[in-house]
Amino acid sequence: MAALAIRGNGATGTNGTRGFGAELVFAICEAREVEVVILNQGEDTTFEEDLAKDVLEIITVFSARLYGSRSRKNQKLLDGVKKAVEDAT
């Protein structure tokens, strides 16, 4: 029997599955007779703590995209594309 080791906090638990598709990965591993060992599982967290952490991660991703799209480098690139389109027409 093969083994798969996963590092992370709360890969499984009664509070829900951390990470999308984890249940599918576990089902595939079970079908292939691969043992899943979770390392550093950490402490159990409440639903509210998990929700707050997930919302903070979403805000971080979207704010990074927002400020990335407004960066000076991207603005110069967009201005260059606009000028090229105007010159072509």
PDB file of N, CA and C in Angstrom:
ATOM      1  N   MET A   1       0.850  -1.174   0.000  1.00  0.00           N
ATOM      2  CA  MET A   1       0.000   0.000   0.000  1.00  0.00           C
ATOM      3  C   MET A   1       0.892   1.231   0.000  1.00  0.00           C
ATOM      4  N   ALA A   2       0.586   2.176  -0.879  1.00  0.00           N
ATOM      5  CA  ALA A   2       1.328   3.426  -0.952  1.00  0.00           C
ATOM      6  C   ALA A   2       0.792   4.401   0.087  1.00  0.00           C
ATOM      7  N   ALA A   3       1.551   5.447   0.353  1.00  0.00           N
ATOM      8  CA  ALA A   3       1.125   6.450   1.338  1.00  0.00           C
ATOM      9  C   ALA A   3       1.286   7.839   0.751  1.00  0.00           C
ATOM     10  N   LEU A   4       0.392   8.722   1.132  1.00  0.00           N
ATOM     11  CA  LEU A   4       0.428  10.113   0.725  1.00  0.00           C
ATOM     12  C   LEU A   4       0.413  10.963   1.988  1.00  0.00           C
ATOM     13  N   ALA A   5       1.394  11.825   2.138  1.00  0.00           N
ATOM     14  CA  ALA A   5       1.454  12.693   3.317  1.00  0.00           C
ATOM     15  C   ALA A   5       1.041  14.097   2.910  1.00  0.00           C
ATOM     16  N   ILE A   6       0.158  14.698   3.691  1.00  0.00           N
ATOM     17  CA  ILE A   6      -0.337  16.044   3.416  1.00  0.00           C
ATOM     18  C   ILE A   6       0.046  16.932   4.581  1.00  0.00           C
ATOM     19  N   ARG A   7       0.694  18.061   4.274  1.00  0.00           N
ATOM     20  CA  ARG A   7       1.004  19.039   5.307  1.00  0.00           C
ATOM     21  C   ARG A   7      -0.089  20.092   5.293  1.00  0.00           C
ATOM     22  N   GLY A   8      -0.457  20.537   6.447  1.00  0.00           N
ATOM     23  CA  GLY A   8      -1.449  21.600   6.497  1.00  0.00           C
ATOM     24  C   GLY A   8      -2.255  21.541   7.758  1.00  0.00           C
ATOM     25  N   ASN A   9      -3.107  22.526   7.909  1.00  0.00           N
ATOM     26  CA  ASN A   9      -3.921  22.647   9.099  1.00  0.00           C
ATOM     27  C   ASN A   9      -5.362  22.323   8.744  1.00  0.00           C
ATOM     28  N   GLY A  10      -5.910  21.308   9.359  1.00  0.00           N
ATOM     29  CA  GLY A  10      -7.321  21.011   9.189  1.00  0.00           C
ATOM     30  C   GLY A  10      -7.686  20.495   7.830  1.00  0.00           C
ATOM     31  N   ALA A  11      -6.927  19.565   7.279  1.00  0.00           N
ATOM     32  CA  ALA A  11      -7.263  19.023   5.969  1.00  0.00           C
ATOM     33  C   ALA A  11      -8.598  18.292   6.007  1.00  0.00           C
ATOM     34  N   THR A  12      -8.936  17.725   7.134  1.00  0.00           N
ATOM     35  CA  THR A  12     -10.250  17.116   7.305  1.00  0.00           C
ATOM     36  C   THR A  12     -10.772  17.517   8.663  1.00  0.00           C
ATOM     37  N   GLY A  13     -12.015  17.238   8.896  1.00  0.00           N
ATOM     38  CA  GLY A  13     -12.558  17.521  10.209  1.00  0.00           C
ATOM     39  C   GLY A  13     -14.055  17.728  10.152  1.00  0.00           C
ATOM     40  N   THR A  14     -14.662  17.846  11.303  1.00  0.00           N
ATOM     41  CA  THR A  14     -16.105  18.027  11.361  1.00  0.00           C
ATOM     42  C   THR A  14     -16.502  19.447  11.000  1.00  0.00           C
ATOM     43  N   ASN A  15     -15.559  20.379  11.010  1.00  0.00           N
ATOM     44  CA  ASN A  15     -15.862  21.773  10.665  1.00  0.00           C
ATOM     45  C   ASN A  15     -15.907  21.999   9.169  1.00  0.00           C
ATOM     46  N   GLY A  16     -15.755  20.958   8.400  1.00  0.00           N
ATOM     47  CA  GLY A  16     -15.739  21.103   6.952  1.00  0.00           C
ATOM     48  C   GLY A  16     -14.369  20.780   6.419  1.00  0.00           C
ATOM     49  N   THR A  17     -14.297  20.673   5.132  1.00  0.00           N
ATOM     50  CA  THR A  17     -13.045  20.303   4.488  1.00  0.00           C
ATOM     51  C   THR A  17     -12.310  21.561   4.066  1.00  0.00           C
ATOM     52  N   ARG A  18     -11.056  21.666   4.460  1.00  0.00           N
ATOM     53  CA  ARG A  18     -10.234  22.801   4.065  1.00  0.00           C
ATOM     54  C   ARG A  18      -9.722  22.541   2.660  1.00  0.00           C
ATOM     55  N   GLY A  19      -9.975  23.444   1.772  1.00  0.00           N
ATOM     56  CA  GLY A  19      -9.526  23.290   0.405  1.00  0.00           C
ATOM     57  C   GLY A  19     -10.582  22.601  -0.433  1.00  0.00           C
ATOM     58  N   PHE A  20     -10.781  23.137  -1.611  1.00  0.00           N
ATOM     59  CA  PHE A  20     -11.790  22.571  -2.491  1.00  0.00           C
ATOM     60  C   PHE A  20     -11.289  21.271  -3.095  1.00  0.00           C
ATOM     61  N   GLY A  21     -12.150  20.287  -3.174  1.00  0.00           N
ATOM     62  CA  GLY A  21     -11.809  19.030  -3.812  1.00  0.00           C
ATOM     63  C   GLY A  21     -11.086  18.039  -2.935  1.00  0.00           C
ATOM     64  N   ALA A  22     -10.936  18.333  -1.656  1.00  0.00           N
ATOM     65  CA  ALA A  22     -10.201  17.424  -0.776  1.00  0.00           C
ATOM     66  C   ALA A  22     -10.931  16.089  -0.649  1.00  0.00           C
ATOM     67  N   GLU A  23     -12.255  16.129  -0.592  1.00  0.00           N
ATOM     68  CA  GLU A  23     -13.016  14.881  -0.487  1.00  0.00           C
ATOM     69  C   GLU A  23     -12.808  14.016  -1.713  1.00  0.00           C
ATOM     70  N   LEU A  24     -12.726  14.648  -2.888  1.00  0.00           N
ATOM     71  CA  LEU A  24     -12.476  13.909  -4.129  1.00  0.00           C
ATOM     72  C   LEU A  24     -11.100  13.257  -4.100  1.00  0.00           C
ATOM     73  N   VAL A  25     -10.109  13.986  -3.637  1.00  0.00           N
ATOM     74  CA  VAL A  25      -8.746  13.436  -3.541  1.00  0.00           C
ATOM     75  C   VAL A  25      -8.731  12.244  -2.589  1.00  0.00           C
ATOM     76  N   PHE A  26      -9.421  12.369  -1.461  1.00  0.00           N
ATOM     77  CA  PHE A  26      -9.467  11.261  -0.503  1.00  0.00           C
ATOM     78  C   PHE A  26     -10.183  10.052  -1.098  1.00  0.00           C
ATOM     79  N   ALA A  27     -11.242  10.274  -1.862  1.00  0.00           N
ATOM     80  CA  ALA A  27     -11.967   9.163  -2.491  1.00  0.00           C
ATOM     81  C   ALA A  27     -11.105   8.462  -3.529  1.00  0.00           C
ATOM     82  N   ILE A  28     -10.361   9.233  -4.312  1.00  0.00           N
ATOM     83  CA  ILE A  28      -9.465   8.645  -5.316  1.00  0.00           C
ATOM     84  C   ILE A  28      -8.372   7.839  -4.634  1.00  0.00           C
ATOM     85  N   CYS A  29      -7.816   8.391  -3.561  1.00  0.00           N
ATOM     86  CA  CYS A  29      -6.772   7.678  -2.821  1.00  0.00           C
ATOM     87  C   CYS A  29      -7.314   6.372  -2.249  1.00  0.00           C
ATOM     88  N   GLU A  30      -8.534   6.406  -1.742  1.00  0.00           N
ATOM     89  CA  GLU A  30      -9.132   5.198  -1.192  1.00  0.00           C
ATOM     90  C   GLU A  30      -9.361   4.159  -2.281  1.00  0.00           C
ATOM     91  N   ALA A  31      -9.810   4.598  -3.459  1.00  0.00           N
ATOM     92  CA  ALA A  31     -10.051   3.676  -4.569  1.00  0.00           C
ATOM     93  C   ALA A  31      -8.750   3.038  -5.058  1.00  0.00           C
ATOM     94  N   ARG A  32      -7.652   3.780  -4.973  1.00  0.00           N
ATOM     95  CA  ARG A  32      -6.342   3.286  -5.419  1.00  0.00           C
ATOM     96  C   ARG A  32      -5.551   2.633  -4.297  1.00  0.00           C
ATOM     97  N   GLU A  33      -6.190   2.495  -3.144  1.00  0.00           N
ATOM     98  CA  GLU A  33      -5.568   1.897  -1.964  1.00  0.00           C
ATOM     99  C   GLU A  33      -4.319   2.656  -1.529  1.00  0.00           C
ATOM    100  N   VAL A  34      -4.447   3.986  -1.503  1.00  0.00           N
ATOM    101  CA  VAL A  34      -3.371   4.850  -1.048  1.00  0.00           C
ATOM    102  C   VAL A  34      -3.769   5.398   0.319  1.00  0.00           C
ATOM    103  N   GLU A  35      -2.905   5.216   1.285  1.00  0.00           N
ATOM    104  CA  GLU A  35      -3.167   5.704   2.632  1.00  0.00           C
ATOM    105  C   GLU A  35      -2.833   7.188   2.708  1.00  0.00           C
ATOM    106  N   VAL A  36      -3.728   7.975   3.263  1.00  0.00           N
ATOM    107  CA  VAL A  36      -3.524   9.408   3.416  1.00  0.00           C
ATOM    108  C   VAL A  36      -3.175   9.688   4.871  1.00  0.00           C
ATOM    109  N   VAL A  37      -2.025  10.324   5.090  1.00  0.00           N
ATOM    110  CA  VAL A  37      -1.581  10.684   6.431  1.00  0.00           C
ATOM    111  C   VAL A  37      -1.483  12.191   6.480  1.00  0.00           C
ATOM    112  N   ILE A  38      -2.185  12.799   7.435  1.00  0.00           N
ATOM    113  CA  ILE A  38      -2.198  14.256   7.556  1.00  0.00           C
ATOM    114  C   ILE A  38      -1.197  14.660   8.630  1.00  0.00           C
ATOM    115  N   LEU A  39      -0.222  15.480   8.229  1.00  0.00           N
ATOM    116  CA  LEU A  39       0.808  15.962   9.137  1.00  0.00           C
ATOM    117  C   LEU A  39       0.447  17.350   9.626  1.00  0.00           C
ATOM    118  N   ASN A  40       0.793  17.673  10.841  1.00  0.00           N
ATOM    119  CA  ASN A  40       0.555  18.998  11.413  1.00  0.00           C
ATOM    120  C   ASN A  40      -0.909  19.403  11.301  1.00  0.00           C
ATOM    121  N   GLN A  41      -1.792  18.536  11.707  1.00  0.00           N
ATOM    122  CA  GLN A  41      -3.212  18.835  11.588  1.00  0.00           C
ATOM    123  C   GLN A  41      -3.606  20.034  12.428  1.00  0.00           C
ATOM    124  N   GLY A  42      -2.940  20.250  13.513  1.00  0.00           N
ATOM    125  CA  GLY A  42      -3.210  21.434  14.307  1.00  0.00           C
ATOM    126  C   GLY A  42      -4.438  21.278  15.169  1.00  0.00           C
ATOM    127  N   GLU A  43      -4.888  22.397  15.688  1.00  0.00           N
ATOM    128  CA  GLU A  43      -6.029  22.388  16.600  1.00  0.00           C
ATOM    129  C   GLU A  43      -7.334  22.539  15.823  1.00  0.00           C
ATOM    130  N   ASP A  44      -8.413  22.053  16.402  1.00  0.00           N
ATOM    131  CA  ASP A  44      -9.725  22.225  15.800  1.00  0.00           C
ATOM    132  C   ASP A  44     -10.162  23.678  15.963  1.00  0.00           C
ATOM    133  N   THR A  45     -10.753  24.227  14.918  1.00  0.00           N
ATOM    134  CA  THR A  45     -11.234  25.593  14.978  1.00  0.00           C
ATOM    135  C   THR A  45     -12.753  25.591  14.839  1.00  0.00           C
ATOM    136  N   THR A  46     -13.358  26.660  15.278  1.00  0.00           N
ATOM    137  CA  THR A  46     -14.806  26.770  15.182  1.00  0.00           C
ATOM    138  C   THR A  46     -15.202  27.184  13.771  1.00  0.00           C
ATOM    139  N   PHE A  47     -16.483  27.029  13.480  1.00  0.00           N
ATOM    140  CA  PHE A  47     -17.004  27.436  12.177  1.00  0.00           C
ATOM    141  C   PHE A  47     -16.744  28.919  11.940  1.00  0.00           C
ATOM    142  N   GLU A  48     -16.942  29.742  12.962  1.00  0.00           N
ATOM    143  CA  GLU A  48     -16.761  31.174  12.825  1.00  0.00           C
ATOM    144  C   GLU A  48     -15.305  31.531  12.518  1.00  0.00           C
ATOM    145  N   GLU A  49     -14.369  30.831  13.151  1.00  0.00           N
ATOM    146  CA  GLU A  49     -12.950  31.087  12.887  1.00  0.00           C
ATOM    147  C   GLU A  49     -12.592  30.695  11.458  1.00  0.00           C
ATOM    148  N   ASP A  50     -13.099  29.551  11.003  1.00  0.00           N
ATOM    149  CA  ASP A  50     -12.849  29.126   9.624  1.00  0.00           C
ATOM    150  C   ASP A  50     -13.449  30.119   8.632  1.00  0.00           C
ATOM    151  N   LEU A  51     -14.658  30.577   8.914  1.00  0.00           N
ATOM    152  CA  LEU A  51     -15.321  31.533   8.031  1.00  0.00           C
ATOM    153  C   LEU A  51     -14.554  32.842   7.977  1.00  0.00           C
ATOM    154  N   ALA A  52     -14.115  33.336   9.116  1.00  0.00           N
ATOM    155  CA  ALA A  52     -13.343  34.582   9.155  1.00  0.00           C
ATOM    156  C   ALA A  52     -12.039  34.441   8.381  1.00  0.00           C
ATOM    157  N   LYS A  53     -11.365  33.314   8.527  1.00  0.00           N
ATOM    158  CA  LYS A  53     -10.115  33.079   7.803  1.00  0.00           C
ATOM    159  C   LYS A  53     -10.367  33.023   6.300  1.00  0.00           C
ATOM    160  N   ASP A  54     -11.445  32.353   5.874  1.00  0.00           N
ATOM    161  CA  ASP A  54     -11.768  32.255   4.452  1.00  0.00           C
ATOM    162  C   ASP A  54     -12.116  33.618   3.856  1.00  0.00           C
ATOM    163  N   VAL A  55     -12.897  34.417   4.584  1.00  0.00           N
ATOM    164  CA  VAL A  55     -13.266  35.754   4.100  1.00  0.00           C
ATOM    165  C   VAL A  55     -12.027  36.632   3.984  1.00  0.00           C
ATOM    166  N   LEU A  56     -11.130  36.548   4.950  1.00  0.00           N
ATOM    167  CA  LEU A  56      -9.897  37.325   4.896  1.00  0.00           C
ATOM    168  C   LEU A  56      -9.044  36.925   3.687  1.00  0.00           C
ATOM    169  N   GLU A  57      -8.983  35.634   3.382  1.00  0.00           N
ATOM    170  CA  GLU A  57      -8.228  35.169   2.209  1.00  0.00           C
ATOM    171  C   GLU A  57      -8.848  35.694   0.924  1.00  0.00           C
ATOM    172  N   ILE A  58     -10.178  35.700   0.842  1.00  0.00           N
ATOM    173  CA  ILE A  58     -10.862  36.213  -0.348  1.00  0.00           C
ATOM    174  C   ILE A  58     -10.598  37.703  -0.515  1.00  0.00           C
ATOM    175  N   ILE A  59     -10.692  38.466   0.576  1.00  0.00           N
ATOM    176  CA  ILE A  59     -10.424  39.901   0.514  1.00  0.00           C
ATOM    177  C   ILE A  59      -8.984  40.156   0.074  1.00  0.00           C
ATOM    178  N   THR A  60      -8.058  39.368   0.572  1.00  0.00           N
ATOM    179  CA  THR A  60      -6.652  39.528   0.204  1.00  0.00           C
ATOM    180  C   THR A  60      -6.440  39.306  -1.290  1.00  0.00           C
ATOM    181  N   VAL A  61      -7.061  38.268  -1.835  1.00  0.00           N
ATOM    182  CA  VAL A  61      -6.898  37.962  -3.259  1.00  0.00           C
ATOM    183  C   VAL A  61      -7.473  39.076  -4.120  1.00  0.00           C
ATOM    184  N   PHE A  62      -8.693  39.510  -3.801  1.00  0.00           N
ATOM    185  CA  PHE A  62      -9.318  40.530  -4.623  1.00  0.00           C
ATOM    186  C   PHE A  62      -8.641  41.891  -4.487  1.00  0.00           C
ATOM    187  N   SER A  63      -8.154  42.215  -3.305  1.00  0.00           N
ATOM    188  CA  SER A  63      -7.454  43.492  -3.164  1.00  0.00           C
ATOM    189  C   SER A  63      -6.121  43.456  -3.916  1.00  0.00           C
ATOM    190  N   ALA A  64      -5.466  42.316  -3.924  1.00  0.00           N
ATOM    191  CA  ALA A  64      -4.217  42.197  -4.690  1.00  0.00           C
ATOM    192  C   ALA A  64      -4.491  42.361  -6.183  1.00  0.00           C
ATOM    193  N   ARG A  65      -5.593  41.796  -6.649  1.00  0.00           N
ATOM    194  CA  ARG A  65      -5.947  41.963  -8.061  1.00  0.00           C
ATOM    195  C   ARG A  65      -6.297  43.416  -8.361  1.00  0.00           C
ATOM    196  N   LEU A  66      -7.034  44.049  -7.464  1.00  0.00           N
ATOM    197  CA  LEU A  66      -7.440  45.431  -7.680  1.00  0.00           C
ATOM    198  C   LEU A  66      -6.230  46.345  -7.738  1.00  0.00           C
ATOM    199  N   TYR A  67      -5.358  46.262  -6.754  1.00  0.00           N
ATOM    200  CA  TYR A  67      -4.200  47.140  -6.731  1.00  0.00           C
ATOM    201  C   TYR A  67      -3.192  46.758  -7.802  1.00  0.00           C
ATOM    202  N   GLY A  68      -3.154  45.504  -8.178  1.00  0.00           N
ATOM    203  CA  GLY A  68      -2.282  45.087  -9.276  1.00  0.00           C
ATOM    204  C   GLY A  68      -2.731  45.686 -10.591  1.00  0.00           C
ATOM    205  N   SER A  69      -4.047  45.769 -10.800  1.00  0.00           N
ATOM    206  CA  SER A  69      -4.558  46.326 -12.050  1.00  0.00           C
ATOM    207  C   SER A  69      -4.383  47.837 -12.102  1.00  0.00           C
ATOM    208  N   ARG A  70      -4.193  48.461 -10.943  1.00  0.00           N
ATOM    209  CA  ARG A  70      -4.010  49.910 -10.903  1.00  0.00           C
ATOM    210  C   ARG A  70      -2.541  50.303 -10.769  1.00  0.00           C
ATOM    211  N   SER A  71      -1.667  49.338 -10.838  1.00  0.00           N
ATOM    212  CA  SER A  71      -0.254  49.656 -10.660  1.00  0.00           C
ATOM    213  C   SER A  71       0.253  50.500 -11.826  1.00  0.00           C
ATOM    214  N   ARG A  72       1.310  51.200 -11.583  1.00  0.00           N
ATOM    215  CA  ARG A  72       1.884  52.088 -12.603  1.00  0.00           C
ATOM    216  C   ARG A  72       2.322  51.302 -13.839  1.00  0.00           C
ATOM    217  N   LYS A  73       2.897  50.131 -13.619  1.00  0.00           N
ATOM    218  CA  LYS A  73       3.360  49.307 -14.740  1.00  0.00           C
ATOM    219  C   LYS A  73       2.181  48.896 -15.622  1.00  0.00           C
ATOM    220  N   ASN A  74       1.104  48.419 -15.014  1.00  0.00           N
ATOM    221  CA  ASN A  74      -0.053  48.004 -15.792  1.00  0.00           C
ATOM    222  C   ASN A  74      -0.734  49.193 -16.458  1.00  0.00           C
ATOM    223  N   GLN A  75      -0.753  50.331 -15.797  1.00  0.00           N
ATOM    224  CA  GLN A  75      -1.375  51.521 -16.382  1.00  0.00           C
ATOM    225  C   GLN A  75      -0.603  51.961 -17.621  1.00  0.00           C
ATOM    226  N   LYS A  76       0.723  51.922 -17.568  1.00  0.00           N
ATOM    227  CA  LYS A  76       1.523  52.269 -18.747  1.00  0.00           C
ATOM    228  C   LYS A  76       1.250  51.311 -19.888  1.00  0.00           C
ATOM    229  N   LEU A  77       1.129  50.038 -19.588  1.00  0.00           N
ATOM    230  CA  LEU A  77       0.839  49.037 -20.610  1.00  0.00           C
ATOM    231  C   LEU A  77      -0.523  49.299 -21.247  1.00  0.00           C
ATOM    232  N   LEU A  78      -1.528  49.595 -20.438  1.00  0.00           N
ATOM    233  CA  LEU A  78      -2.862  49.886 -20.966  1.00  0.00           C
ATOM    234  C   LEU A  78      -2.867  51.155 -21.814  1.00  0.00           C
ATOM    235  N   ASP A  79      -2.141  52.177 -21.363  1.00  0.00           N
ATOM    236  CA  ASP A  79      -2.052  53.410 -22.147  1.00  0.00           C
ATOM    237  C   ASP A  79      -1.393  53.143 -23.497  1.00  0.00           C
ATOM    238  N   GLY A  80      -0.366  52.315 -23.519  1.00  0.00           N
ATOM    239  CA  GLY A  80       0.302  51.968 -24.773  1.00  0.00           C
ATOM    240  C   GLY A  80      -0.615  51.211 -25.721  1.00  0.00           C
ATOM    241  N   VAL A  81      -1.412  50.307 -25.190  1.00  0.00           N
ATOM    242  CA  VAL A  81      -2.359  49.549 -26.016  1.00  0.00           C
ATOM    243  C   VAL A  81      -3.429  50.476 -26.571  1.00  0.00           C
ATOM    244  N   LYS A  82      -3.966  51.378 -25.731  1.00  0.00           N
ATOM    245  CA  LYS A  82      -4.978  52.336 -26.186  1.00  0.00           C
ATOM    246  C   LYS A  82      -4.424  53.217 -27.304  1.00  0.00           C
ATOM    247  N   LYS A  83      -3.181  53.680 -27.134  1.00  0.00           N
ATOM    248  CA  LYS A  83      -2.567  54.539 -28.153  1.00  0.00           C
ATOM    249  C   LYS A  83      -2.359  53.774 -29.440  1.00  0.00           C
ATOM    250  N   ALA A  84      -1.950  52.514 -29.358  1.00  0.00           N
ATOM    251  CA  ALA A  84      -1.760  51.703 -30.556  1.00  0.00           C
ATOM    252  C   ALA A  84      -3.074  51.477 -31.296  1.00  0.00           C
ATOM    253  N   VAL A  85      -4.146  51.273 -30.550  1.00  0.00           N
ATOM    254  CA  VAL A  85      -5.459  51.080 -31.167  1.00  0.00           C
ATOM    255  C   VAL A  85      -5.931  52.359 -31.831  1.00  0.00           C
ATOM    256  N   GLU A  86      -5.725  53.504 -31.170  1.00  0.00           N
ATOM    257  CA  GLU A  86      -6.118  54.786 -31.748  1.00  0.00           C
ATOM    258  C   GLU A  86      -5.322  55.078 -33.003  1.00  0.00           C
ATOM    259  N   ASP A  87      -4.027  54.758 -33.014  1.00  0.00           N
ATOM    260  CA  ASP A  87      -3.183  55.012 -34.194  1.00  0.00           C
ATOM    261  C   ASP A  87      -3.573  54.110 -35.353  1.00  0.00           C
ATOM    262  N   ALA A  88      -4.048  52.905 -35.042  1.00  0.00           N
ATOM    263  CA  ALA A  88      -4.418  51.958 -36.096  1.00  0.00           C
ATOM    264  C   ALA A  88      -5.741  52.337 -36.755  1.00  0.00           C
ATOM    265  N   THR A  89      -6.580  53.075 -36.049  1.00  0.00           N
ATOM    266  CA  THR A  89      -7.882  53.433 -36.639  1.00  0.00           C
ATOM    267  C   THR A  89      -7.914  54.784 -37.248  1.00  0.00           C
TER     268      THR A  89
END
